[in-house]
PDB file of N, CA and C in Angstrom:
ATOM      1  N   MET A   1       0.824  -1.198   0.000  1.00  0.00           N
ATOM      2  CA  MET A   1       0.000   0.000   0.000  1.00  0.00           C
ATOM      3  C   MET A   1       0.870   1.265   0.000  1.00  0.00           C
ATOM      4  N   LYS A   2       2.024   1.203   0.699  1.00  0.00           N
ATOM      5  CA  LYS A   2       2.921   2.350   0.725  1.00  0.00           C
ATOM      6  C   LYS A   2       3.450   2.657  -0.667  1.00  0.00           C
ATOM      7  N   LYS A   3       3.750   1.623  -1.446  1.00  0.00           N
ATOM      8  CA  LYS A   3       4.237   1.818  -2.814  1.00  0.00           C
ATOM      9  C   LYS A   3       3.207   2.555  -3.660  1.00  0.00           C
ATOM     10  N   LEU A   4       1.930   2.167  -3.519  1.00  0.00           N
ATOM     11  CA  LEU A   4       0.869   2.816  -4.281  1.00  0.00           C
ATOM     12  C   LEU A   4       0.784   4.295  -3.910  1.00  0.00           C
ATOM     13  N   LYS A   5       0.889   4.580  -2.620  1.00  0.00           N
ATOM     14  CA  LYS A   5       0.863   5.978  -2.160  1.00  0.00           C
ATOM     15  C   LYS A   5       2.041   6.748  -2.758  1.00  0.00           C
ATOM     16  N   ASP A   6       3.218   6.147  -2.749  1.00  0.00           N
ATOM     17  CA  ASP A   6       4.397   6.802  -3.315  1.00  0.00           C
ATOM     18  C   ASP A   6       4.233   7.057  -4.812  1.00  0.00           C
ATOM     19  N   TYR A   7       3.703   6.077  -5.533  1.00  0.00           N
ATOM     20  CA  TYR A   7       3.484   6.255  -6.977  1.00  0.00           C
ATOM     21  C   TYR A   7       2.468   7.360  -7.257  1.00  0.00           C
ATOM     22  N   CYS A   8       1.412   7.419  -6.443  1.00  0.00           N
ATOM     23  CA  CYS A   8       0.417   8.481  -6.613  1.00  0.00           C
ATOM     24  C   CYS A   8       1.043   9.850  -6.342  1.00  0.00           C
ATOM     25  N   LEU A   9       1.846   9.944  -5.286  1.00  0.00           N
ATOM     26  CA  LEU A   9       2.527  11.210  -4.986  1.00  0.00           C
ATOM     27  C   LEU A   9       3.488  11.603  -6.100  1.00  0.00           C
ATOM     28  N   ILE A  10       4.210  10.650  -6.633  1.00  0.00           N
ATOM     29  CA  ILE A  10       5.138  10.940  -7.733  1.00  0.00           C
ATOM     30  C   ILE A  10       4.374  11.441  -8.954  1.00  0.00           C
ATOM     31  N   PHE A  11       3.239  10.818  -9.263  1.00  0.00           N
ATOM     32  CA  PHE A  11       2.412  11.275 -10.383  1.00  0.00           C
ATOM     33  C   PHE A  11       1.941  12.713 -10.148  1.00  0.00           C
ATOM     34  N   ILE A  12       1.477  13.001  -8.926  1.00  0.00           N
ATOM     35  CA  ILE A  12       1.039  14.353  -8.586  1.00  0.00           C
ATOM     36  C   ILE A  12       2.201  15.333  -8.702  1.00  0.00           C
ATOM     37  N   CYS A  13       3.371  14.929  -8.213  1.00  0.00           N
ATOM     38  CA  CYS A  13       4.559  15.791  -8.283  1.00  0.00           C
ATOM     39  C   CYS A  13       4.911  16.146  -9.722  1.00  0.00           C
ATOM     40  N   ILE A  14       4.937  15.164 -10.565  1.00  0.00           N
ATOM     41  CA  ILE A  14       5.299  15.395 -11.970  1.00  0.00           C
ATOM     42  C   ILE A  14       4.266  16.310 -12.622  1.00  0.00           C
ATOM     43  N   THR A  15       2.990  16.098 -12.314  1.00  0.00           N
ATOM     44  CA  THR A  15       1.937  16.958 -12.851  1.00  0.00           C
ATOM     45  C   THR A  15       2.128  18.396 -12.374  1.00  0.00           C
ATOM     46  N   GLU A  16       2.395  18.579 -11.085  1.00  0.00           N
ATOM     47  CA  GLU A  16       2.618  19.914 -10.529  1.00  0.00           C
ATOM     48  C   GLU A  16       3.836  20.574 -11.171  1.00  0.00           C
ATOM     49  N   LEU A  17       4.868  19.802 -11.364  1.00  0.00           N
ATOM     50  CA  LEU A  17       6.092  20.327 -11.965  1.00  0.00           C
ATOM     51  C   LEU A  17       5.841  20.771 -13.407  1.00  0.00           C
ATOM     52  N   ILE A  18       5.084  19.991 -14.150  1.00  0.00           N
ATOM     53  CA  ILE A  18       4.747  20.365 -15.536  1.00  0.00           C
ATOM     54  C   ILE A  18       3.931  21.656 -15.544  1.00  0.00           C
ATOM     55  N   ILE A  19       2.945  21.755 -14.652  1.00  0.00           N
ATOM     56  CA  ILE A  19       2.142  22.978 -14.576  1.00  0.00           C
ATOM     57  C   ILE A  19       3.030  24.158 -14.198  1.00  0.00           C
ATOM     58  N   GLY A  20       3.947  23.954 -13.252  1.00  0.00           N
ATOM     59  CA  GLY A  20       4.875  25.015 -12.868  1.00  0.00           C
ATOM     60  C   GLY A  20       5.758  25.450 -14.020  1.00  0.00           C
ATOM     61  N   LEU A  21       6.238  24.499 -14.811  1.00  0.00           N
ATOM     62  CA  LEU A  21       7.082  24.840 -15.967  1.00  0.00           C
ATOM     63  C   LEU A  21       6.283  25.591 -17.024  1.00  0.00           C
ATOM     64  N   ILE A  22       5.027  25.218 -17.206  1.00  0.00           N
ATOM     65  CA  ILE A  22       4.168  25.965 -18.131  1.00  0.00           C
ATOM     66  C   ILE A  22       3.984  27.396 -17.610  1.00  0.00           C
ATOM     67  N   GLY A  23       3.931  27.535 -16.283  1.00  0.00           N
ATOM     68  CA  GLY A  23       3.786  28.856 -15.668  1.00  0.00           C
ATOM     69  C   GLY A  23       4.961  29.782 -15.919  1.00  0.00           C
ATOM     70  N   VAL A  24       6.105  29.234 -16.275  1.00  0.00           N
ATOM     71  CA  VAL A  24       7.243  30.078 -16.630  1.00  0.00           C
ATOM     72  C   VAL A  24       6.917  30.874 -17.892  1.00  0.00           C
ATOM     73  N   ILE A  25       6.114  30.275 -18.775  1.00  0.00           N
ATOM     74  CA  ILE A  25       5.796  30.891 -20.063  1.00  0.00           C
ATOM     75  C   ILE A  25       4.469  31.651 -20.019  1.00  0.00           C
ATOM     76  N   VAL A  26       3.454  31.076 -19.373  1.00  0.00           N
ATOM     77  CA  VAL A  26       2.112  31.661 -19.332  1.00  0.00           C
ATOM     78  C   VAL A  26       2.024  32.617 -18.143  1.00  0.00           C
ATOM     79  N   PRO A  27       1.759  33.912 -18.400  1.00  0.00           N
ATOM     80  CA  PRO A  27       1.832  34.904 -17.336  1.00  0.00           C
ATOM     81  C   PRO A  27       0.841  34.725 -16.187  1.00  0.00           C
ATOM     82  N   LEU A  28      -0.364  34.242 -16.424  1.00  0.00           N
ATOM     83  CA  LEU A  28      -1.342  34.128 -15.343  1.00  0.00           C
ATOM     84  C   LEU A  28      -1.195  32.859 -14.523  1.00  0.00           C
ATOM     85  N   LEU A  29      -0.352  31.956 -14.949  1.00  0.00           N
ATOM     86  CA  LEU A  29      -0.165  30.694 -14.247  1.00  0.00           C
ATOM     87  C   LEU A  29       1.092  30.791 -13.375  1.00  0.00           C
ATOM     88  N   PRO A  30       0.930  30.663 -12.059  1.00  0.00           N
ATOM     89  CA  PRO A  30       2.101  30.808 -11.190  1.00  0.00           C
ATOM     90  C   PRO A  30       3.038  29.603 -11.282  1.00  0.00           C
ATOM     91  N   THR A  31       4.297  29.848 -11.130  1.00  0.00           N
ATOM     92  CA  THR A  31       5.296  28.789 -11.168  1.00  0.00           C
ATOM     93  C   THR A  31       5.653  28.318  -9.764  1.00  0.00           C
ATOM     94  N   THR A  32       5.983  29.258  -8.907  1.00  0.00           N
ATOM     95  CA  THR A  32       6.544  28.940  -7.592  1.00  0.00           C
ATOM     96  C   THR A  32       5.679  28.002  -6.754  1.00  0.00           C
ATOM     97  N   PRO A  33       4.363  28.254  -6.592  1.00  0.00           N
ATOM     98  CA  PRO A  33       3.597  27.343  -5.731  1.00  0.00           C
ATOM     99  C   PRO A  33       3.611  25.902  -6.222  1.00  0.00           C
ATOM    100  N   PHE A  34       3.553  25.719  -7.535  1.00  0.00           N
ATOM    101  CA  PHE A  34       3.538  24.358  -8.079  1.00  0.00           C
ATOM    102  C   PHE A  34       4.892  23.671  -7.890  1.00  0.00           C
ATOM    103  N   VAL A  35       5.973  24.412  -8.066  1.00  0.00           N
ATOM    104  CA  VAL A  35       7.303  23.822  -7.881  1.00  0.00           C
ATOM    105  C   VAL A  35       7.535  23.502  -6.411  1.00  0.00           C
ATOM    106  N   LEU A  36       7.118  24.385  -5.505  1.00  0.00           N
ATOM    107  CA  LEU A  36       7.271  24.116  -4.070  1.00  0.00           C
ATOM    108  C   LEU A  36       6.420  22.923  -3.638  1.00  0.00           C
ATOM    109  N   LEU A  37       5.208  22.833  -4.173  1.00  0.00           N
ATOM    110  CA  LEU A  37       4.346  21.692  -3.851  1.00  0.00           C
ATOM    111  C   LEU A  37       4.940  20.395  -4.385  1.00  0.00           C
ATOM    112  N   ALA A  38       5.499  20.451  -5.582  1.00  0.00           N
ATOM    113  CA  ALA A  38       6.159  19.265  -6.150  1.00  0.00           C
ATOM    114  C   ALA A  38       7.334  18.849  -5.267  1.00  0.00           C
ATOM    115  N   ALA A  39       8.106  19.820  -4.799  1.00  0.00           N
ATOM    116  CA  ALA A  39       9.246  19.499  -3.927  1.00  0.00           C
ATOM    117  C   ALA A  39       8.772  18.845  -2.636  1.00  0.00           C
ATOM    118  N   ALA A  40       7.692  19.373  -2.060  1.00  0.00           N
ATOM    119  CA  ALA A  40       7.165  18.789  -0.818  1.00  0.00           C
ATOM    120  C   ALA A  40       6.689  17.359  -1.038  1.00  0.00           C
ATOM    121  N   CYS A  41       6.018  17.113  -2.150  1.00  0.00           N
ATOM    122  CA  CYS A  41       5.542  15.751  -2.441  1.00  0.00           C
ATOM    123  C   CYS A  41       6.710  14.805  -2.728  1.00  0.00           C
ATOM    124  N   PHE A  42       7.695  15.281  -3.494  1.00  0.00           N
ATOM    125  CA  PHE A  42       8.872  14.450  -3.770  1.00  0.00           C
ATOM    126  C   PHE A  42       9.615  14.113  -2.480  1.00  0.00           C
ATOM    127  N   ALA A  43       9.679  15.065  -1.550  1.00  0.00           N
ATOM    128  CA  ALA A  43      10.373  14.819  -0.278  1.00  0.00           C
ATOM    129  C   ALA A  43       9.713  13.676   0.488  1.00  0.00           C
ATOM    130  N   ARG A  44       8.413  13.478   0.278  1.00  0.00           N
ATOM    131  CA  ARG A  44       7.682  12.416   0.979  1.00  0.00           C
ATOM    132  C   ARG A  44       7.606  11.110   0.199  1.00  0.00           C
ATOM    133  N   SER A  45       7.925  11.160  -1.106  1.00  0.00           N
ATOM    134  CA  SER A  45       7.702   9.962  -1.902  1.00  0.00           C
ATOM    135  C   SER A  45       8.954   9.415  -2.587  1.00  0.00           C
ATOM    136  N   SER A  46       9.861  10.292  -3.027  1.00  0.00           N
ATOM    137  CA  SER A  46      11.015   9.818  -3.783  1.00  0.00           C
ATOM    138  C   SER A  46      12.222  10.709  -3.524  1.00  0.00           C
ATOM    139  N   ASP A  47      13.139  10.195  -2.740  1.00  0.00           N
ATOM    140  CA  ASP A  47      14.345  10.968  -2.441  1.00  0.00           C
ATOM    141  C   ASP A  47      15.141  11.246  -3.710  1.00  0.00           C
ATOM    142  N   ARG A  48      15.153  10.308  -4.641  1.00  0.00           N
ATOM    143  CA  ARG A  48      15.899  10.491  -5.893  1.00  0.00           C
ATOM    144  C   ARG A  48      15.363  11.683  -6.685  1.00  0.00           C
ATOM    145  N   PHE A  49      14.038  11.756  -6.863  1.00  0.00           N
ATOM    146  CA  PHE A  49      13.439  12.881  -7.597  1.00  0.00           C
ATOM    147  C   PHE A  49      13.608  14.188  -6.822  1.00  0.00           C
ATOM    148  N   TYR A  50      13.483  14.119  -5.496  1.00  0.00           N
ATOM    149  CA  TYR A  50      13.647  15.321  -4.674  1.00  0.00           C
ATOM    150  C   TYR A  50      15.056  15.884  -4.832  1.00  0.00           C
ATOM    151  N   GLN A  51      16.053  15.020  -4.768  1.00  0.00           N
ATOM    152  CA  GLN A  51      17.439  15.477  -4.912  1.00  0.00           C
ATOM    153  C   GLN A  51      17.688  16.072  -6.299  1.00  0.00           C
ATOM    154  N   ARG A  52      17.072  15.496  -7.320  1.00  0.00           N
ATOM    155  CA  ARG A  52      17.218  16.052  -8.678  1.00  0.00           C
ATOM    156  C   ARG A  52      16.587  17.436  -8.768  1.00  0.00           C
ATOM    157  N   LEU A  53      15.433  17.614  -8.123  1.00  0.00           N
ATOM    158  CA  LEU A  53      14.776  18.918  -8.145  1.00  0.00           C
ATOM    159  C   LEU A  53      15.579  19.948  -7.352  1.00  0.00           C
ATOM    160  N   ILE A  54      16.081  19.552  -6.201  1.00  0.00           N
ATOM    161  CA  ILE A  54      16.909  20.453  -5.380  1.00  0.00           C
ATOM    162  C   ILE A  54      18.192  20.810  -6.119  1.00  0.00           C
ATOM    163  N   GLY A  55      18.694  19.901  -6.934  1.00  0.00           N
ATOM    164  CA  GLY A  55      19.919  20.162  -7.686  1.00  0.00           C
ATOM    165  C   GLY A  55      19.693  20.890  -9.003  1.00  0.00           C
ATOM    166  N   HIS A  56      18.440  21.177  -9.330  1.00  0.00           N
ATOM    167  CA  HIS A  56      18.141  21.846 -10.600  1.00  0.00           C
ATOM    168  C   HIS A  56      18.730  23.263 -10.604  1.00  0.00           C
ATOM    169  N   PRO A  57      19.371  23.664 -11.714  1.00  0.00           N
ATOM    170  CA  PRO A  57      20.027  24.978 -11.748  1.00  0.00           C
ATOM    171  C   PRO A  57      19.065  26.166 -11.618  1.00  0.00           C
ATOM    172  N   TRP A  58      17.812  26.037 -12.058  1.00  0.00           N
ATOM    173  CA  TRP A  58      16.875  27.156 -11.949  1.00  0.00           C
ATOM    174  C   TRP A  58      16.102  27.154 -10.639  1.00  0.00           C
ATOM    175  N   PHE A  59      15.583  26.003 -10.255  1.00  0.00           N
ATOM    176  CA  PHE A  59      14.657  25.942  -9.127  1.00  0.00           C
ATOM    177  C   PHE A  59      15.292  25.520  -7.814  1.00  0.00           C
ATOM    178  N   GLY A  60      16.419  24.827  -7.885  1.00  0.00           N
ATOM    179  CA  GLY A  60      17.003  24.224  -6.692  1.00  0.00           C
ATOM    180  C   GLY A  60      17.271  25.189  -5.561  1.00  0.00           C
ATOM    181  N   GLN A  61      17.948  26.286  -5.851  1.00  0.00           N
ATOM    182  CA  GLN A  61      18.315  27.224  -4.788  1.00  0.00           C
ATOM    183  C   GLN A  61      17.089  27.908  -4.198  1.00  0.00           C
ATOM    184  N   TYR A  62      16.092  28.244  -5.021  1.00  0.00           N
ATOM    185  CA  TYR A  62      14.866  28.862  -4.503  1.00  0.00           C
ATOM    186  C   TYR A  62      14.138  27.925  -3.558  1.00  0.00           C
ATOM    187  N   ILE A  63      14.080  26.646  -3.919  1.00  0.00           N
ATOM    188  CA  ILE A  63      13.405  25.666  -3.063  1.00  0.00           C
ATOM    189  C   ILE A  63      14.153  25.532  -1.740  1.00  0.00           C
ATOM    190  N   LYS A  64      15.471  25.420  -1.811  1.00  0.00           N
ATOM    191  CA  LYS A  64      16.267  25.297  -0.578  1.00  0.00           C
ATOM    192  C   LYS A  64      16.080  26.514   0.322  1.00  0.00           C
ATOM    193  N   ASP A  65      16.176  27.706  -0.262  1.00  0.00           N
ATOM    194  CA  ASP A  65      16.035  28.931   0.529  1.00  0.00           C
ATOM    195  C   ASP A  65      14.658  29.012   1.176  1.00  0.00           C
ATOM    196  N   TYR A  66      13.621  28.660   0.430  1.00  0.00           N
ATOM    197  CA  TYR A  66      12.265  28.727   0.964  1.00  0.00           C
ATOM    198  C   TYR A  66      12.074  27.701   2.083  1.00  0.00           C
ATOM    199  N   ARG A  67      12.501  26.476   1.847  1.00  0.00           N
ATOM    200  CA  ARG A  67      12.315  25.415   2.845  1.00  0.00           C
ATOM    201  C   ARG A  67      13.102  25.671   4.119  1.00  0.00           C
ATOM    202  N   GLU A  68      14.248  26.313   3.989  1.00  0.00           N
ATOM    203  CA  GLU A  68      15.067  26.606   5.162  1.00  0.00           C
ATOM    204  C   GLU A  68      14.701  27.927   5.818  1.00  0.00           C
ATOM    205  N   GLY A  69      13.658  28.601   5.290  1.00  0.00           N
ATOM    206  CA  GLY A  69      13.167  29.832   5.903  1.00  0.00           C
ATOM    207  C   GLY A  69      14.040  31.048   5.680  1.00  0.00           C
ATOM    208  N   ARG A  70      14.957  30.963   4.715  1.00  0.00           N
ATOM    209  CA  ARG A  70      15.848  32.103   4.462  1.00  0.00           C
ATOM    210  C   ARG A  70      15.156  33.227   3.715  1.00  0.00           C
ATOM    211  N   GLY A  71      14.120  32.914   2.958  1.00  0.00           N
ATOM    212  CA  GLY A  71      13.360  33.963   2.305  1.00  0.00           C
ATOM    213  C   GLY A  71      13.491  33.992   0.801  1.00  0.00           C
ATOM    214  N   ILE A  72      12.977  35.098   0.245  1.00  0.00           N
ATOM    215  CA  ILE A  72      12.925  35.311  -1.193  1.00  0.00           C
ATOM    216  C   ILE A  72      13.740  36.563  -1.509  1.00  0.00           C
ATOM    217  N   PRO A  73      14.601  36.510  -2.523  1.00  0.00           N
ATOM    218  CA  PRO A  73      15.364  37.719  -2.878  1.00  0.00           C
ATOM    219  C   PRO A  73      14.431  38.883  -3.228  1.00  0.00           C
ATOM    220  N   LEU A  74      14.822  40.093  -2.844  1.00  0.00           N
ATOM    221  CA  LEU A  74      13.997  41.275  -3.069  1.00  0.00           C
ATOM    222  C   LEU A  74      13.673  41.458  -4.549  1.00  0.00           C
ATOM    223  N   LYS A  75      14.638  41.228  -5.415  1.00  0.00           N
ATOM    224  CA  LYS A  75      14.415  41.377  -6.853  1.00  0.00           C
ATOM    225  C   LYS A  75      13.320  40.418  -7.330  1.00  0.00           C
ATOM    226  N   VAL A  76      13.313  39.197  -6.822  1.00  0.00           N
ATOM    227  CA  VAL A  76      12.302  38.208  -7.202  1.00  0.00           C
ATOM    228  C   VAL A  76      10.933  38.641  -6.687  1.00  0.00           C
ATOM    229  N   LYS A  77      10.874  39.152  -5.450  1.00  0.00           N
ATOM    230  CA  LYS A  77       9.599  39.630  -4.910  1.00  0.00           C
ATOM    231  C   LYS A  77       9.023  40.738  -5.788  1.00  0.00           C
ATOM    232  N   ILE A  78       9.840  41.731  -6.088  1.00  0.00           N
ATOM    233  CA  ILE A  78       9.370  42.882  -6.866  1.00  0.00           C
ATOM    234  C   ILE A  78       8.948  42.457  -8.268  1.00  0.00           C
ATOM    235  N   THR A  79       9.763  41.630  -8.926  1.00  0.00           N
ATOM    236  CA  THR A  79       9.435  41.165 -10.271  1.00  0.00           C
ATOM    237  C   THR A  79       8.136  40.362 -10.268  1.00  0.00           C
ATOM    238  N   THR A  80       7.987  39.476  -9.311  1.00  0.00           N
ATOM    239  CA  THR A  80       6.790  38.640  -9.227  1.00  0.00           C
ATOM    240  C   THR A  80       5.543  39.478  -9.003  1.00  0.00           C
ATOM    241  N   ILE A  81       5.610  40.412  -8.073  1.00  0.00           N
ATOM    242  CA  ILE A  81       4.444  41.249  -7.770  1.00  0.00           C
ATOM    243  C   ILE A  81       4.100  42.140  -8.963  1.00  0.00           C
ATOM    244  N   CYS A  82       5.104  42.705  -9.618  1.00  0.00           N
ATOM    245  CA  CYS A  82       4.846  43.548 -10.802  1.00  0.00           C
ATOM    246  C   CYS A  82       4.207  42.742 -11.933  1.00  0.00           C
ATOM    247  N   LEU A  83       4.743  41.567 -12.209  1.00  0.00           N
ATOM    248  CA  LEU A  83       4.163  40.729 -13.267  1.00  0.00           C
ATOM    249  C   LEU A  83       2.759  40.251 -12.900  1.00  0.00           C
ATOM    250  N   LEU A  84       2.553  39.954 -11.627  1.00  0.00           N
ATOM    251  CA  LEU A  84       1.229  39.556 -11.158  1.00  0.00           C
ATOM    252  C   LEU A  84       0.212  40.660 -11.429  1.00  0.00           C
ATOM    253  N   TRP A  85       0.532  41.883 -11.019  1.00  0.00           N
ATOM    254  CA  TRP A  85      -0.405  42.992 -11.198  1.00  0.00           C
ATOM    255  C   TRP A  85      -0.552  43.375 -12.663  1.00  0.00           C
ATOM    256  N   LEU A  86       0.502  43.245 -13.437  1.00  0.00           N
ATOM    257  CA  LEU A  86       0.404  43.531 -14.871  1.00  0.00           C
ATOM    258  C   LEU A  86      -0.557  42.549 -15.547  1.00  0.00           C
ATOM    259  N   SER A  87      -0.405  41.267 -15.245  1.00  0.00           N
ATOM    260  CA  SER A  87      -1.260  40.266 -15.885  1.00  0.00           C
ATOM    261  C   SER A  87      -2.692  40.322 -15.351  1.00  0.00           C
ATOM    262  N   ILE A  88      -2.866  40.436 -14.035  1.00  0.00           N
ATOM    263  CA  ILE A  88      -4.214  40.519 -13.468  1.00  0.00           C
ATOM    264  C   ILE A  88      -4.881  41.825 -13.900  1.00  0.00           C
ATOM    265  N   GLY A  89      -4.135  42.916 -13.833  1.00  0.00           N
ATOM    266  CA  GLY A  89      -4.700  44.210 -14.218  1.00  0.00           C
ATOM    267  C   GLY A  89      -5.146  44.251 -15.663  1.00  0.00           C
ATOM    268  N   SER A  90      -4.316  43.740 -16.548  1.00  0.00           N
ATOM    269  CA  SER A  90      -4.701  43.743 -17.959  1.00  0.00           C
ATOM    270  C   SER A  90      -5.895  42.819 -18.204  1.00  0.00           C
ATOM    271  N   SER A  91      -5.955  41.713 -17.501  1.00  0.00           N
ATOM    272  CA  SER A  91      -7.103  40.813 -17.645  1.00  0.00           C
ATOM    273  C   SER A  91      -8.386  41.474 -17.162  1.00  0.00           C
ATOM    274  N   VAL A  92      -8.305  42.146 -16.011  1.00  0.00           N
ATOM    275  CA  VAL A  92      -9.481  42.811 -15.450  1.00  0.00           C
ATOM    276  C   VAL A  92      -9.966  43.920 -16.382  1.00  0.00           C
ATOM    277  N   VAL A  93      -9.037  44.687 -16.945  1.00  0.00           N
ATOM    278  CA  VAL A  93      -9.412  45.815 -17.799  1.00  0.00           C
ATOM    279  C   VAL A  93      -9.846  45.360 -19.194  1.00  0.00           C
ATOM    280  N   LEU A  94      -9.138  44.407 -19.775  1.00  0.00           N
ATOM    281  CA  LEU A  94      -9.353  44.081 -21.182  1.00  0.00           C
ATOM    282  C   LEU A  94     -10.248  42.873 -21.452  1.00  0.00           C
ATOM    283  N   PHE A  95     -10.249  41.894 -20.573  1.00  0.00           N
ATOM    284  CA  PHE A  95     -10.868  40.623 -20.928  1.00  0.00           C
ATOM    285  C   PHE A  95     -12.056  40.198 -20.081  1.00  0.00           C
ATOM    286  N   VAL A  96     -12.146  40.642 -18.852  1.00  0.00           N
ATOM    287  CA  VAL A  96     -13.188  40.163 -17.941  1.00  0.00           C
ATOM    288  C   VAL A  96     -14.313  41.198 -17.862  1.00  0.00           C
ATOM    289  N   ASP A  97     -15.526  40.752 -18.167  1.00  0.00           N
ATOM    290  CA  ASP A  97     -16.679  41.647 -18.120  1.00  0.00           C
ATOM    291  C   ASP A  97     -17.515  41.458 -16.851  1.00  0.00           C
ATOM    292  N   PHE A  98     -17.414  40.311 -16.241  1.00  0.00           N
ATOM    293  CA  PHE A  98     -18.221  39.962 -15.069  1.00  0.00           C
ATOM    294  C   PHE A  98     -17.641  40.664 -13.838  1.00  0.00           C
ATOM    295  N   ILE A  99     -18.371  41.633 -13.295  1.00  0.00           N
ATOM    296  CA  ILE A  99     -17.877  42.487 -12.207  1.00  0.00           C
ATOM    297  C   ILE A  99     -17.421  41.677 -10.982  1.00  0.00           C
ATOM    298  N   PRO A 100     -18.197  40.689 -10.502  1.00  0.00           N
ATOM    299  CA  PRO A 100     -17.713  39.915  -9.348  1.00  0.00           C
ATOM    300  C   PRO A 100     -16.378  39.206  -9.634  1.00  0.00           C
ATOM    301  N   ALA A 101     -16.173  38.753 -10.860  1.00  0.00           N
ATOM    302  CA  ALA A 101     -14.899  38.110 -11.207  1.00  0.00           C
ATOM    303  C   ALA A 101     -13.755  39.111 -11.143  1.00  0.00           C
ATOM    304  N   LYS A 102     -14.012  40.355 -11.555  1.00  0.00           N
ATOM    305  CA  LYS A 102     -12.979  41.392 -11.473  1.00  0.00           C
ATOM    306  C   LYS A 102     -12.555  41.603 -10.022  1.00  0.00           C
ATOM    307  N   PHE A 103     -13.547  41.711  -9.118  1.00  0.00           N
ATOM    308  CA  PHE A 103     -13.232  41.901  -7.705  1.00  0.00           C
ATOM    309  C   PHE A 103     -12.494  40.689  -7.130  1.00  0.00           C
ATOM    310  N   MET A 104     -12.903  39.498  -7.556  1.00  0.00           N
ATOM    311  CA  MET A 104     -12.242  38.292  -7.071  1.00  0.00           C
ATOM    312  C   MET A 104     -10.773  38.258  -7.531  1.00  0.00           C
ATOM    313  N   MET A 105     -10.530  38.594  -8.787  1.00  0.00           N
ATOM    314  CA  MET A 105      -9.165  38.598  -9.309  1.00  0.00           C
ATOM    315  C   MET A 105      -8.305  39.629  -8.582  1.00  0.00           C
ATOM    316  N   ILE A 106      -8.859  40.807  -8.351  1.00  0.00           N
ATOM    317  CA  ILE A 106      -8.120  41.845  -7.617  1.00  0.00           C
ATOM    318  C   ILE A 106      -7.864  41.392  -6.184  1.00  0.00           C
ATOM    319  N   GLY A 107      -8.843  40.718  -5.583  1.00  0.00           N
ATOM    320  CA  GLY A 107      -8.657  40.195  -4.223  1.00  0.00           C
ATOM    321  C   GLY A 107      -7.561  39.146  -4.160  1.00  0.00           C
ATOM    322  N   VAL A 108      -7.545  38.248  -5.136  1.00  0.00           N
ATOM    323  CA  VAL A 108      -6.495  37.220  -5.182  1.00  0.00           C
ATOM    324  C   VAL A 108      -5.119  37.875  -5.366  1.00  0.00           C
ATOM    325  N   ALA A 109      -5.029  38.833  -6.273  1.00  0.00           N
ATOM    326  CA  ALA A 109      -3.752  39.517  -6.508  1.00  0.00           C
ATOM    327  C   ALA A 109      -3.290  40.243  -5.250  1.00  0.00           C
ATOM    328  N   THR A 110      -4.226  40.847  -4.530  1.00  0.00           N
ATOM    329  CA  THR A 110      -3.881  41.549  -3.285  1.00  0.00           C
ATOM    330  C   THR A 110      -3.367  40.563  -2.241  1.00  0.00           C
ATOM    331  N   CYS A 111      -4.057  39.438  -2.083  1.00  0.00           N
ATOM    332  CA  CYS A 111      -3.637  38.437  -1.090  1.00  0.00           C
ATOM    333  C   CYS A 111      -2.271  37.848  -1.435  1.00  0.00           C
ATOM    334  N   VAL A 112      -2.062  37.521  -2.700  1.00  0.00           N
ATOM    335  CA  VAL A 112      -0.766  36.958  -3.117  1.00  0.00           C
ATOM    336  C   VAL A 112       0.340  37.982  -2.921  1.00  0.00           C
ATOM    337  N   SER A 113       0.068  39.241  -3.257  1.00  0.00           N
ATOM    338  CA  SER A 113       1.073  40.293  -3.077  1.00  0.00           C
ATOM    339  C   SER A 113       1.433  40.459  -1.604  1.00  0.00           C
ATOM    340  N   CYS A 114       0.418  40.484  -0.748  1.00  0.00           N
ATOM    341  CA  CYS A 114       0.670  40.616   0.700  1.00  0.00           C
ATOM    342  C   CYS A 114       1.460  39.425   1.225  1.00  0.00           C
ATOM    343  N   TYR A 115       1.094  38.237   0.785  1.00  0.00           N
ATOM    344  CA  TYR A 115       1.806  37.038   1.218  1.00  0.00           C
ATOM    345  C   TYR A 115       3.280  37.120   0.816  1.00  0.00           C
ATOM    346  N   LEU A 116       3.524  37.438  -0.450  1.00  0.00           N
ATOM    347  CA  LEU A 116       4.915  37.517  -0.921  1.00  0.00           C
ATOM    348  C   LEU A 116       5.691  38.594  -0.185  1.00  0.00           C
ATOM    349  N   TRP A 117       5.077  39.750   0.010  1.00  0.00           N
ATOM    350  CA  TRP A 117       5.787  40.862   0.624  1.00  0.00           C
ATOM    351  C   TRP A 117       6.115  40.581   2.087  1.00  0.00           C
ATOM    352  N   THR A 118       5.282  39.779   2.767  1.00  0.00           N
ATOM    353  CA  THR A 118       5.525  39.483   4.175  1.00  0.00           C
ATOM    354  C   THR A 118       6.482  38.306   4.396  1.00  0.00           C
ATOM    355  N   ARG A 119       6.887  37.610   3.337  1.00  0.00           N
ATOM    356  CA  ARG A 119       7.882  36.545   3.479  1.00  0.00           C
ATOM    357  C   ARG A 119       9.232  37.186   3.780  1.00  0.00           C
ATOM    358  N   PRO A 120      10.092  36.461   4.469  1.00  0.00           N
ATOM    359  CA  PRO A 120      11.429  37.021   4.737  1.00  0.00           C
ATOM    360  C   PRO A 120      12.152  37.353   3.433  1.00  0.00           C
ATOM    361  N   THR A 121      12.919  38.428   3.480  1.00  0.00           N
ATOM    362  CA  THR A 121      13.688  38.832   2.301  1.00  0.00           C
ATOM    363  C   THR A 121      15.103  38.296   2.429  1.00  0.00           C
ATOM    364  N   LEU A 122      15.525  37.576   1.414  1.00  0.00           N
ATOM    365  CA  LEU A 122      16.866  36.996   1.379  1.00  0.00           C
ATOM    366  C   LEU A 122      17.847  38.036   0.875  1.00  0.00           C
ATOM    367  N   GLU A 123      18.846  38.326   1.658  1.00  0.00           N
ATOM    368  CA  GLU A 123      19.887  39.252   1.249  1.00  0.00           C
ATOM    369  C   GLU A 123      20.834  38.515   0.313  1.00  0.00           C
ATOM    370  N   VAL A 124      20.943  39.012  -0.915  1.00  0.00           N
ATOM    371  CA  VAL A 124      21.790  38.382  -1.924  1.00  0.00           C
ATOM    372  C   VAL A 124      23.105  39.150  -1.978  1.00  0.00           C
ATOM    373  N   SER A 125      24.212  38.434  -1.800  1.00  0.00           N
ATOM    374  CA  SER A 125      25.523  39.081  -1.893  1.00  0.00           C
ATOM    375  C   SER A 125      26.016  38.983  -3.325  1.00  0.00           C
ATOM    376  N   ASN A 126      26.587  40.066  -3.805  1.00  0.00           N
ATOM    377  CA  ASN A 126      27.088  40.092  -5.197  1.00  0.00           C
ATOM    378  C   ASN A 126      28.475  39.597  -5.292  1.00  0.00           C
TER     379      ASN A 126
END
């Protein structure tokens, strides 16, 4: 039964990772939550996959810093929040006609921005 649970978690992890990678390209789809969730699932199901993800040149250091509570670099926070508001704002203005959906999108963007801004800031040495 444990093997089945591990296989299900690995399937979920790979799915989350694919969605996260798509989020690198698609502006309204977040990358970080899916990659962090994939890392958490891999940590519980497959040490081999977890180590590969932690060793990844793009995502590895961000996952390590987040899991160890060191925080998010200020440049990443600012870039993420700006892109979030640019994509949500343009969607609200140009594409969404349903007023409650506009308020919901603005509420989500506000909550995500507050969450990101309140995370510890990682001091990056040059």
